[in-house]
Amino acid sequence: KLNRPERHNALDEQLIHDTHRAFDLLAGNPAVRVIVLCSDGPSFCAGA
């Protein structure tokens, strides 16, 4: 979950870095069969 609702989940260095790290952890977890990408707040992602 992207959790930067006060900025409409806009992408910056920190959000990109942490999202990539979290995604790699889920992709490499044998207990995970499906990955859901979601967001908190009124916007999914306002872009950069």
All heavy atoms as atom14 arrays in JSON, in Angstrom:
{
  "sequence": "KLNRPERHNALDEQLIHDTHRAFDLLAGNPAVRVIVLCSDGPSFCAGA",
  "atom14_mask": [
    [1, 1, 1, 1, 1, 1, 1, 1, 1, 0, 0, 0, 0, 0],
    [1, 1, 1, 1, 1, 1, 1, 1, 0, 0, 0, 0, 0, 0],
    [1, 1, 1, 1, 1, 1, 1, 1, 0, 0, 0, 0, 0, 0],
    [1, 1, 1, 1, 1, 1, 1, 1, 1, 1, 1, 0, 0, 0],
    [1, 1, 1, 1, 1, 1, 1, 0, 0, 0, 0, 0, 0, 0],
    [1, 1, 1, 1, 1, 1, 1, 1, 1, 0, 0, 0, 0, 0],
    [1, 1, 1, 1, 1, 1, 1, 1, 1, 1, 1, 0, 0, 0],
    [1, 1, 1, 1, 1, 1, 1, 1, 1, 1, 0, 0, 0, 0],
    [1, 1, 1, 1, 1, 1, 1, 1, 0, 0, 0, 0, 0, 0],
    [1, 1, 1, 1, 1, 0, 0, 0, 0, 0, 0, 0, 0, 0],
    [1, 1, 1, 1, 1, 1, 1, 1, 0, 0, 0, 0, 0, 0],
    [1, 1, 1, 1, 1, 1, 1, 1, 0, 0, 0, 0, 0, 0],
    [1, 1, 1, 1, 1, 1, 1, 1, 1, 0, 0, 0, 0, 0],
    [1, 1, 1, 1, 1, 1, 1, 1, 1, 0, 0, 0, 0, 0],
    [1, 1, 1, 1, 1, 1, 1, 1, 0, 0, 0, 0, 0, 0],
    [1, 1, 1, 1, 1, 1, 1, 1, 0, 0, 0, 0, 0, 0],
    [1, 1, 1, 1, 1, 1, 1, 1, 1, 1, 0, 0, 0, 0],
    [1, 1, 1, 1, 1, 1, 1, 1, 0, 0, 0, 0, 0, 0],
    [1, 1, 1, 1, 1, 1, 1, 0, 0, 0, 0, 0, 0, 0],
    [1, 1, 1, 1, 1, 1, 1, 1, 1, 1, 0, 0, 0, 0],
    [1, 1, 1, 1, 1, 1, 1, 1, 1, 1, 1, 0, 0, 0],
    [1, 1, 1, 1, 1, 0, 0, 0, 0, 0, 0, 0, 0, 0],
    [1, 1, 1, 1, 1, 1, 1, 1, 1, 1, 1, 0, 0, 0],
    [1, 1, 1, 1, 1, 1, 1, 1, 0, 0, 0, 0, 0, 0],
    [1, 1, 1, 1, 1, 1, 1, 1, 0, 0, 0, 0, 0, 0],
    [1, 1, 1, 1, 1, 1, 1, 1, 0, 0, 0, 0, 0, 0],
    [1, 1, 1, 1, 1, 0, 0, 0, 0, 0, 0, 0, 0, 0],
    [1, 1, 1, 1, 0, 0, 0, 0, 0, 0, 0, 0, 0, 0],
    [1, 1, 1, 1, 1, 1, 1, 1, 0, 0, 0, 0, 0, 0],
    [1, 1, 1, 1, 1, 1, 1, 0, 0, 0, 0, 0, 0, 0],
    [1, 1, 1, 1, 1, 0, 0, 0, 0, 0, 0, 0, 0, 0],
    [1, 1, 1, 1, 1, 1, 1, 0, 0, 0, 0, 0, 0, 0],
    [1, 1, 1, 1, 1, 1, 1, 1, 1, 1, 1, 0, 0, 0],
    [1, 1, 1, 1, 1, 1, 1, 0, 0, 0, 0, 0, 0, 0],
    [1, 1, 1, 1, 1, 1, 1, 1, 0, 0, 0, 0, 0, 0],
    [1, 1, 1, 1, 1, 1, 1, 0, 0, 0, 0, 0, 0, 0],
    [1, 1, 1, 1, 1, 1, 1, 1, 0, 0, 0, 0, 0, 0],
    [1, 1, 1, 1, 1, 1, 0, 0, 0, 0, 0, 0, 0, 0],
    [1, 1, 1, 1, 1, 1, 0, 0, 0, 0, 0, 0, 0, 0],
    [1, 1, 1, 1, 1, 1, 1, 1, 0, 0, 0, 0, 0, 0],
    [1, 1, 1, 1, 0, 0, 0, 0, 0, 0, 0, 0, 0, 0],
    [1, 1, 1, 1, 1, 1, 1, 0, 0, 0, 0, 0, 0, 0],
    [1, 1, 1, 1, 1, 1, 0, 0, 0, 0, 0, 0, 0, 0],
    [1, 1, 1, 1, 1, 1, 1, 1, 1, 1, 1, 0, 0, 0],
    [1, 1, 1, 1, 1, 1, 0, 0, 0, 0, 0, 0, 0, 0],
    [1, 1, 1, 1, 1, 0, 0, 0, 0, 0, 0, 0, 0, 0],
    [1, 1, 1, 1, 0, 0, 0, 0, 0, 0, 0, 0, 0, 0],
    [1, 1, 1, 1, 1, 0, 0, 0, 0, 0, 0, 0, 0, 0]
  ],
  "atom14_positions": [
    [[0.83, -1.2, 0.0], [0.0, 0.0, 0.0], [0.87, 1.25, 0.0], [1.72, 1.44, 0.86], [-0.91, 0.02, 1.23], [-1.8, 1.27, 1.32], [-2.62, 1.29, 2.59], [-3.73, 0.27, 2.54], [-4.63, 0.4, 3.74], [0.0, 0.0, 0.0], [0.0, 0.0, 0.0], [0.0, 0.0, 0.0], [0.0, 0.0, 0.0], [0.0, 0.0, 0.0]],
    [[0.64, 2.14, -0.98], [1.25, 3.46, -0.96], [0.54, 4.28, 0.11], [-0.69, 4.4, 0.09], [1.11, 4.14, -2.33], [1.56, 3.34, -3.55], [1.41, 4.17, -4.83], [3.0, 2.87, -3.4], [0.0, 0.0, 0.0], [0.0, 0.0, 0.0], [0.0, 0.0, 0.0], [0.0, 0.0, 0.0], [0.0, 0.0, 0.0], [0.0, 0.0, 0.0]],
    [[1.31, 4.84, 1.04], [0.71, 5.46, 2.22], [1.23, 6.89, 2.39], [1.85, 7.24, 3.37], [1.02, 4.61, 3.46], [0.32, 5.12, 4.7], [-0.84, 5.52, 4.63], [1.01, 5.12, 5.82], [0.0, 0.0, 0.0], [0.0, 0.0, 0.0], [0.0, 0.0, 0.0], [0.0, 0.0, 0.0], [0.0, 0.0, 0.0], [0.0, 0.0, 0.0]],
    [[0.95, 7.68, 1.38], [1.32, 9.1, 1.42], [0.1, 9.93, 1.03], [0.14, 10.73, 0.1], [2.47, 9.32, 0.45], [3.37, 10.49, 0.78], [4.51, 10.6, -0.23], [5.28, 11.78, 0.05], [5.7, 12.64, -0.88], [5.45, 12.41, -2.15], [6.4, 13.71, -0.54], [0.0, 0.0, 0.0], [0.0, 0.0, 0.0], [0.0, 0.0, 0.0]],
    [[-1.03, 9.71, 1.72], [-2.28, 10.32, 1.27], [-2.28, 11.84, 1.29], [-2.98, 12.46, 0.49], [-3.32, 9.75, 2.26], [-2.52, 9.39, 3.48], [-1.2, 8.92, 2.95], [0.0, 0.0, 0.0], [0.0, 0.0, 0.0], [0.0, 0.0, 0.0], [0.0, 0.0, 0.0], [0.0, 0.0, 0.0], [0.0, 0.0, 0.0], [0.0, 0.0, 0.0]],
    [[-1.51, 12.43, 2.2], [-1.48, 13.89, 2.27], [-0.87, 14.51, 1.02], [-1.09, 15.7, 0.72], [-0.71, 14.35, 3.52], [0.79, 14.19, 3.46], [1.28, 12.75, 3.64], [0.43, 11.87, 3.89], [2.5, 12.53, 3.54], [0.0, 0.0, 0.0], [0.0, 0.0, 0.0], [0.0, 0.0, 0.0], [0.0, 0.0, 0.0], [0.0, 0.0, 0.0]],
    [[-0.1, 13.72, 0.26], [0.48, 14.16, -1.01], [-0.15, 13.4, -2.18], [0.41, 13.35, -3.26], [2.0, 13.95, -1.01], [2.74, 14.7, 0.07], [2.78, 16.18, -0.18], [3.6, 16.52, -1.34], [3.79, 17.76, -1.78], [3.19, 18.78, -1.17], [4.55, 17.99, -2.83], [0.0, 0.0, 0.0], [0.0, 0.0, 0.0], [0.0, 0.0, 0.0]],
    [[-1.31, 12.82, -1.95], [-2.02, 12.05, -2.97], [-1.14, 10.93, -3.55], [-1.23, 10.6, -4.73], [-2.54, 12.96, -4.08], [-3.61, 13.9, -3.62], [-4.95, 13.58, -3.63], [-3.52, 15.16, -3.08], [-5.66, 14.58, -3.14], [-4.81, 15.55, -2.8], [0.0, 0.0, 0.0], [0.0, 0.0, 0.0], [0.0, 0.0, 0.0], [0.0, 0.0, 0.0]],
    [[-0.29, 10.38, -2.67], [0.62, 9.28, -3.02], [1.5, 9.62, -4.22], [1.85, 8.76, -5.03], [-0.19, 7.99, -3.3], [-0.95, 7.55, -2.07], [-0.39, 7.35, -1.01], [-2.27, 7.43, -2.2], [0.0, 0.0, 0.0], [0.0, 0.0, 0.0], [0.0, 0.0, 0.0], [0.0, 0.0, 0.0], [0.0, 0.0, 0.0], [0.0, 0.0, 0.0]],
    [[1.88, 10.9, -4.3], [2.8, 11.33, -5.35], [4.16, 10.67, -5.15], [4.63, 10.49, -4.03], [2.93, 12.85, -5.34], [0.0, 0.0, 0.0], [0.0, 0.0, 0.0], [0.0, 0.0, 0.0], [0.0, 0.0, 0.0], [0.0, 0.0, 0.0], [0.0, 0.0, 0.0], [0.0, 0.0, 0.0], [0.0, 0.0, 0.0], [0.0, 0.0, 0.0]],
    [[4.79, 10.33, -6.25], [6.05, 9.59, -6.22], [7.24, 10.52, -6.0], [7.4, 11.52, -6.71], [6.24, 8.85, -7.54], [5.16, 7.83, -7.91], [5.28, 7.42, -9.37], [5.24, 6.61, -7.01], [0.0, 0.0, 0.0], [0.0, 0.0, 0.0], [0.0, 0.0, 0.0], [0.0, 0.0, 0.0], [0.0, 0.0, 0.0], [0.0, 0.0, 0.0]],
    [[8.05, 10.2, -5.0], [9.33, 10.87, -4.81], [10.4, 9.81, -4.54], [10.12, 8.61, -4.61], [9.28, 11.92, -3.69], [9.05, 11.3, -2.31], [8.91, 10.06, -2.19], [9.02, 12.07, -1.32], [0.0, 0.0, 0.0], [0.0, 0.0, 0.0], [0.0, 0.0, 0.0], [0.0, 0.0, 0.0], [0.0, 0.0, 0.0], [0.0, 0.0, 0.0]],
    [[11.62, 10.25, -4.27], [12.72, 9.31, -4.1], [12.42, 8.25, -3.04], [12.66, 7.07, -3.24], [14.02, 10.02, -3.7], [14.4, 11.21, -4.55], [14.0, 12.53, -3.92], [12.85, 12.63, -3.44], [14.83, 13.45, -3.91], [0.0, 0.0, 0.0], [0.0, 0.0, 0.0], [0.0, 0.0, 0.0], [0.0, 0.0, 0.0], [0.0, 0.0, 0.0]],
    [[11.88, 8.7, -1.89], [11.64, 7.78, -0.78], [10.54, 6.78, -1.11], [10.68, 5.58, -0.86], [11.27, 8.57, 0.48], [11.2, 7.73, 1.74], [12.57, 7.24, 2.18], [13.52, 8.01, 2.23], [12.7, 5.96, 2.48], [0.0, 0.0, 0.0], [0.0, 0.0, 0.0], [0.0, 0.0, 0.0], [0.0, 0.0, 0.0], [0.0, 0.0, 0.0]],
    [[9.45, 7.27, -1.68], [8.34, 6.37, -1.98], [8.74, 5.35, -3.05], [8.4, 4.16, -2.95], [7.13, 7.17, -2.45], [5.85, 6.36, -2.72], [5.43, 5.57, -1.5], [4.72, 7.27, -3.18], [0.0, 0.0, 0.0], [0.0, 0.0, 0.0], [0.0, 0.0, 0.0], [0.0, 0.0, 0.0], [0.0, 0.0, 0.0], [0.0, 0.0, 0.0]],
    [[9.49, 5.78, -4.06], [9.94, 4.86, -5.1], [10.88, 3.82, -4.51], [10.74, 2.61, -4.77], [10.63, 5.64, -6.25], [9.61, 6.49, -7.0], [11.33, 4.67, -7.21], [10.22, 7.47, -7.97], [0.0, 0.0, 0.0], [0.0, 0.0, 0.0], [0.0, 0.0, 0.0], [0.0, 0.0, 0.0], [0.0, 0.0, 0.0], [0.0, 0.0, 0.0]],
    [[11.84, 4.25, -3.72], [12.81, 3.33, -3.11], [12.11, 2.31, -2.23], [12.35, 1.09, -2.33], [13.84, 4.11, -2.3], [14.78, 3.25, -1.52], [14.48, 2.78, -0.25], [16.0, 2.73, -1.82], [15.48, 2.03, 0.2], [16.41, 1.99, -0.73], [0.0, 0.0, 0.0], [0.0, 0.0, 0.0], [0.0, 0.0, 0.0], [0.0, 0.0, 0.0]],
    [[11.22, 2.77, -1.36], [10.58, 1.88, -0.4], [9.57, 0.96, -1.08], [9.39, -0.2, -0.67], [9.9, 2.69, 0.7], [10.9, 3.4, 1.59], [12.12, 3.21, 1.38], [10.49, 4.15, 2.49], [0.0, 0.0, 0.0], [0.0, 0.0, 0.0], [0.0, 0.0, 0.0], [0.0, 0.0, 0.0], [0.0, 0.0, 0.0], [0.0, 0.0, 0.0]],
    [[8.9, 1.45, -2.11], [7.97, 0.6, -2.86], [8.72, -0.51, -3.57], [8.29, -1.67, -3.56], [7.17, 1.43, -3.88], [6.44, 2.45, -3.19], [6.2, 0.56, -4.65], [0.0, 0.0, 0.0], [0.0, 0.0, 0.0], [0.0, 0.0, 0.0], [0.0, 0.0, 0.0], [0.0, 0.0, 0.0], [0.0, 0.0, 0.0], [0.0, 0.0, 0.0]],
    [[9.85, -0.19, -4.17], [10.66, -1.19, -4.85], [11.14, -2.24, -3.85], [11.08, -3.45, -4.12], [11.85, -0.52, -5.54], [12.53, -1.39, -6.54], [13.39, -0.91, -7.48], [12.47, -2.74, -6.76], [13.84, -1.9, -8.24], [13.3, -3.02, -7.81], [0.0, 0.0, 0.0], [0.0, 0.0, 0.0], [0.0, 0.0, 0.0], [0.0, 0.0, 0.0]],
    [[11.62, -1.81, -2.7], [12.11, -2.74, -1.69], [10.99, -3.66, -1.21], [11.17, -4.88, -1.09], [12.69, -1.97, -0.51], [13.2, -2.84, 0.63], [14.0, -2.02, 1.63], [14.35, -2.81, 2.8], [13.67, -2.82, 3.94], [12.58, -2.08, 4.06], [14.06, -3.56, 4.96], [0.0, 0.0, 0.0], [0.0, 0.0, 0.0], [0.0, 0.0, 0.0]],
    [[9.82, -3.09, -0.93], [8.68, -3.9, -0.47], [8.23, -4.87, -1.55], [7.91, -6.03, -1.27], [7.53, -2.98, -0.06], [0.0, 0.0, 0.0], [0.0, 0.0, 0.0], [0.0, 0.0, 0.0], [0.0, 0.0, 0.0], [0.0, 0.0, 0.0], [0.0, 0.0, 0.0], [0.0, 0.0, 0.0], [0.0, 0.0, 0.0], [0.0, 0.0, 0.0]],
    [[8.22, -4.41, -2.79], [7.79, -5.28, -3.88], [8.73, -6.47, -4.04], [8.28, -7.6, -4.23], [7.69, -4.5, -5.19], [6.96, -5.25, -6.26], [5.58, -5.18, -6.36], [7.65, -6.07, -7.14], [4.91, -5.9, -7.32], [6.99, -6.79, -8.11], [5.61, -6.71, -8.2], [0.0, 0.0, 0.0], [0.0, 0.0, 0.0], [0.0, 0.0, 0.0]],
    [[10.02, -6.21, -3.93], [10.99, -7.3, -4.04], [10.8, -8.32, -2.92], [10.94, -9.53, -3.13], [12.42, -6.75, -4.0], [12.83, -6.12, -5.32], [12.12, -6.3, -6.32], [13.87, -5.42, -5.33], [0.0, 0.0, 0.0], [0.0, 0.0, 0.0], [0.0, 0.0, 0.0], [0.0, 0.0, 0.0], [0.0, 0.0, 0.0], [0.0, 0.0, 0.0]],
    [[10.46, -7.84, -1.73], [10.23, -8.75, -0.61], [9.01, -9.63, -0.87], [9.04, -10.84, -0.62], [10.04, -7.96, 0.69], [11.29, -7.28, 1.26], [10.91, -6.37, 2.43], [12.31, -8.31, 1.71], [0.0, 0.0, 0.0], [0.0, 0.0, 0.0], [0.0, 0.0, 0.0], [0.0, 0.0, 0.0], [0.0, 0.0, 0.0], [0.0, 0.0, 0.0]],
    [[7.94, -9.05, -1.4], [6.75, -9.83, -1.7], [6.99, -10.79, -2.85], [6.56, -11.95, -2.81], [5.58, -8.89, -2.03], [5.05, -8.04, -0.88], [3.99, -7.06, -1.39], [4.48, -8.91, 0.24], [0.0, 0.0, 0.0], [0.0, 0.0, 0.0], [0.0, 0.0, 0.0], [0.0, 0.0, 0.0], [0.0, 0.0, 0.0], [0.0, 0.0, 0.0]],
    [[7.68, -10.33, -3.88], [7.96, -11.18, -5.04], [8.82, -12.38, -4.66], [8.69, -13.47, -5.22], [8.63, -10.38, -6.14], [0.0, 0.0, 0.0], [0.0, 0.0, 0.0], [0.0, 0.0, 0.0], [0.0, 0.0, 0.0], [0.0, 0.0, 0.0], [0.0, 0.0, 0.0], [0.0, 0.0, 0.0], [0.0, 0.0, 0.0], [0.0, 0.0, 0.0]],
    [[9.71, -12.19, -3.69], [10.6, -13.27, -3.27], [10.07, -14.13, -2.15], [10.73, -15.1, -1.73], [0.0, 0.0, 0.0], [0.0, 0.0, 0.0], [0.0, 0.0, 0.0], [0.0, 0.0, 0.0], [0.0, 0.0, 0.0], [0.0, 0.0, 0.0], [0.0, 0.0, 0.0], [0.0, 0.0, 0.0], [0.0, 0.0, 0.0], [0.0, 0.0, 0.0]],
    [[8.88, -13.83, -1.65], [8.29, -14.57, -0.54], [7.52, -15.78, -1.08], [6.51, -15.61, -1.78], [7.35, -13.65, 0.25], [6.81, -14.32, 1.5], [6.82, -15.54, 1.64], [6.31, -13.52, 2.42], [0.0, 0.0, 0.0], [0.0, 0.0, 0.0], [0.0, 0.0, 0.0], [0.0, 0.0, 0.0], [0.0, 0.0, 0.0], [0.0, 0.0, 0.0]],
    [[7.93, -17.0, -0.78], [7.24, -18.17, -1.33], [5.8, -18.32, -0.83], [5.02, -19.06, -1.44], [8.11, -19.34, -0.87], [8.88, -18.83, 0.3], [9.1, -17.37, 0.04], [0.0, 0.0, 0.0], [0.0, 0.0, 0.0], [0.0, 0.0, 0.0], [0.0, 0.0, 0.0], [0.0, 0.0, 0.0], [0.0, 0.0, 0.0], [0.0, 0.0, 0.0]],
    [[5.47, -17.64, 0.26], [4.09, -17.71, 0.77], [3.14, -16.82, -0.01], [1.92, -16.91, 0.15], [4.06, -17.32, 2.25], [0.0, 0.0, 0.0], [0.0, 0.0, 0.0], [0.0, 0.0, 0.0], [0.0, 0.0, 0.0], [0.0, 0.0, 0.0], [0.0, 0.0, 0.0], [0.0, 0.0, 0.0], [0.0, 0.0, 0.0], [0.0, 0.0, 0.0]],
    [[3.67, -15.95, -0.86], [2.85, -15.0, -1.62], [2.57, -15.55, -3.02], [3.49, -15.86, -3.77], [3.55, -13.62, -1.72], [2.78, -12.7, -2.66], [3.67, -13.0, -0.34], [0.0, 0.0, 0.0], [0.0, 0.0, 0.0], [0.0, 0.0, 0.0], [0.0, 0.0, 0.0], [0.0, 0.0, 0.0], [0.0, 0.0, 0.0], [0.0, 0.0, 0.0]],
    [[1.31, -15.67, -3.36], [0.9, -16.15, -4.69], [0.45, -14.99, -5.58], [0.59, -15.06, -6.81], [-0.27, -17.14, -4.53], [0.09, -18.45, -3.83], [0.59, -19.47, -4.82], [-0.27, -19.55, -6.0], [-1.42, -20.23, -6.06], [-1.84, -20.93, -5.0], [-2.13, -20.25, -7.18], [0.0, 0.0, 0.0], [0.0, 0.0, 0.0], [0.0, 0.0, 0.0]],
    [[-0.15, -13.97, -4.98], [-0.69, -12.83, -5.71], [-0.26, -11.56, -4.98], [-0.24, -11.53, -3.74], [-2.23, -12.89, -5.79], [-2.79, -11.65, -6.49], [-2.69, -14.16, -6.48], [0.0, 0.0, 0.0], [0.0, 0.0, 0.0], [0.0, 0.0, 0.0], [0.0, 0.0, 0.0], [0.0, 0.0, 0.0], [0.0, 0.0, 0.0], [0.0, 0.0, 0.0]],
    [[0.07, -10.52, -5.73], [0.43, -9.23, -5.13], [-0.62, -8.19, -5.52], [-0.98, -8.07, -6.7], [1.83, -8.77, -5.59], [2.89, -9.78, -5.15], [2.15, -7.38, -5.04], [4.28, -9.49, -5.68], [0.0, 0.0, 0.0], [0.0, 0.0, 0.0], [0.0, 0.0, 0.0], [0.0, 0.0, 0.0], [0.0, 0.0, 0.0], [0.0, 0.0, 0.0]],
    [[-1.12, -7.45, -4.53], [-2.08, -6.38, -4.77], [-1.39, -5.05, -4.49], [-0.86, -4.83, -3.4], [-3.32, -6.53, -3.87], [-4.27, -5.34, -4.08], [-4.04, -7.84, -4.17], [0.0, 0.0, 0.0], [0.0, 0.0, 0.0], [0.0, 0.0, 0.0], [0.0, 0.0, 0.0], [0.0, 0.0, 0.0], [0.0, 0.0, 0.0], [0.0, 0.0, 0.0]],
    [[-1.39, -4.18, -5.49], [-0.85, -2.83, -5.34], [-2.02, -1.89, -5.08], [-2.94, -1.8, -5.9], [-0.1, -2.42, -6.61], [0.51, -1.02, -6.62], [1.58, -0.89, -5.54], [1.09, -0.7, -7.99], [0.0, 0.0, 0.0], [0.0, 0.0, 0.0], [0.0, 0.0, 0.0], [0.0, 0.0, 0.0], [0.0, 0.0, 0.0], [0.0, 0.0, 0.0]],
    [[-1.98, -1.2, -3.95], [-3.1, -0.35, -3.57], [-2.57, 0.94, -2.91], [-1.36, 1.12, -2.75], [-4.05, -1.08, -2.64], [-3.29, -1.79, -1.16], [0.0, 0.0, 0.0], [0.0, 0.0, 0.0], [0.0, 0.0, 0.0], [0.0, 0.0, 0.0], [0.0, 0.0, 0.0], [0.0, 0.0, 0.0], [0.0, 0.0, 0.0], [0.0, 0.0, 0.0]],
    [[-3.49, 1.82, -2.55], [-3.12, 3.11, -1.97], [-4.09, 3.51, -0.89], [-5.22, 3.02, -0.83], [-3.1, 4.2, -3.05], [-2.15, 3.93, -4.05], [0.0, 0.0, 0.0], [0.0, 0.0, 0.0], [0.0, 0.0, 0.0], [0.0, 0.0, 0.0], [0.0, 0.0, 0.0], [0.0, 0.0, 0.0], [0.0, 0.0, 0.0], [0.0, 0.0, 0.0]],
    [[-3.63, 4.43, -0.04], [-4.49, 5.01, 0.99], [-4.85, 6.43, 0.58], [-4.07, 7.1, -0.1], [-3.73, 5.01, 2.33], [-4.65, 5.33, 3.5], [-5.87, 5.12, 3.36], [-4.16, 5.82, 4.53], [0.0, 0.0, 0.0], [0.0, 0.0, 0.0], [0.0, 0.0, 0.0], [0.0, 0.0, 0.0], [0.0, 0.0, 0.0], [0.0, 0.0, 0.0]],
    [[-6.03, 6.87, 0.96], [-6.43, 8.24, 0.68], [-7.31, 8.36, -0.54], [-7.69, 7.37, -1.17], [0.0, 0.0, 0.0], [0.0, 0.0, 0.0], [0.0, 0.0, 0.0], [0.0, 0.0, 0.0], [0.0, 0.0, 0.0], [0.0, 0.0, 0.0], [0.0, 0.0, 0.0], [0.0, 0.0, 0.0], [0.0, 0.0, 0.0], [0.0, 0.0, 0.0]],
    [[-7.63, 9.59, -0.94], [-8.58, 9.81, -2.04], [-8.02, 9.53, -3.42], [-8.78, 9.35, -4.37], [-8.93, 11.3, -1.9], [-7.73, 11.91, -1.25], [-7.22, 10.86, -0.3], [0.0, 0.0, 0.0], [0.0, 0.0, 0.0], [0.0, 0.0, 0.0], [0.0, 0.0, 0.0], [0.0, 0.0, 0.0], [0.0, 0.0, 0.0], [0.0, 0.0, 0.0]],
    [[-6.69, 9.53, -3.57], [-6.08, 9.31, -4.88], [-5.25, 8.04, -4.89], [-4.6, 7.72, -3.89], [-5.16, 10.49, -5.24], [-5.88, 11.7, -5.29], [0.0, 0.0, 0.0], [0.0, 0.0, 0.0], [0.0, 0.0, 0.0], [0.0, 0.0, 0.0], [0.0, 0.0, 0.0], [0.0, 0.0, 0.0], [0.0, 0.0, 0.0], [0.0, 0.0, 0.0]],
    [[-5.24, 7.36, -6.03], [-4.36, 6.2, -6.17], [-2.91, 6.65, -6.23], [-2.07, 6.2, -5.45], [-4.73, 5.41, -7.42], [-3.86, 4.21, -7.65], [-4.0, 3.06, -6.89], [-2.87, 4.23, -8.62], [-3.19, 1.96, -7.09], [-2.05, 3.13, -8.84], [-2.21, 2.01, -8.06], [0.0, 0.0, 0.0], [0.0, 0.0, 0.0], [0.0, 0.0, 0.0]],
    [[-2.61, 7.55, -7.15], [-1.25, 8.09, -7.26], [-1.3, 9.31, -8.18], [-1.72, 9.2, -9.33], [-0.28, 7.05, -7.8], [1.4, 7.67, -8.05], [0.0, 0.0, 0.0], [0.0, 0.0, 0.0], [0.0, 0.0, 0.0], [0.0, 0.0, 0.0], [0.0, 0.0, 0.0], [0.0, 0.0, 0.0], [0.0, 0.0, 0.0], [0.0, 0.0, 0.0]],
    [[-0.85, 10.45, -7.65], [-0.91, 11.7, -8.41], [0.26, 11.88, -9.35], [0.44, 12.96, -9.92], [-0.98, 12.88, -7.44], [0.0, 0.0, 0.0], [0.0, 0.0, 0.0], [0.0, 0.0, 0.0], [0.0, 0.0, 0.0], [0.0, 0.0, 0.0], [0.0, 0.0, 0.0], [0.0, 0.0, 0.0], [0.0, 0.0, 0.0], [0.0, 0.0, 0.0]],
    [[1.08, 10.82, -9.54], [2.23, 10.95, -10.42], [3.44, 11.43, -9.66], [3.57, 11.2, -8.46], [0.0, 0.0, 0.0], [0.0, 0.0, 0.0], [0.0, 0.0, 0.0], [0.0, 0.0, 0.0], [0.0, 0.0, 0.0], [0.0, 0.0, 0.0], [0.0, 0.0, 0.0], [0.0, 0.0, 0.0], [0.0, 0.0, 0.0], [0.0, 0.0, 0.0]],
    [[4.32, 12.11, -10.35], [5.57, 12.55, -9.73], [5.32, 13.74, -8.81], [4.57, 14.66, -9.14], [6.57, 12.94, -10.8], [0.0, 0.0, 0.0], [0.0, 0.0, 0.0], [0.0, 0.0, 0.0], [0.0, 0.0, 0.0], [0.0, 0.0, 0.0], [0.0, 0.0, 0.0], [0.0, 0.0, 0.0], [0.0, 0.0, 0.0], [0.0, 0.0, 0.0]]
  ]
}
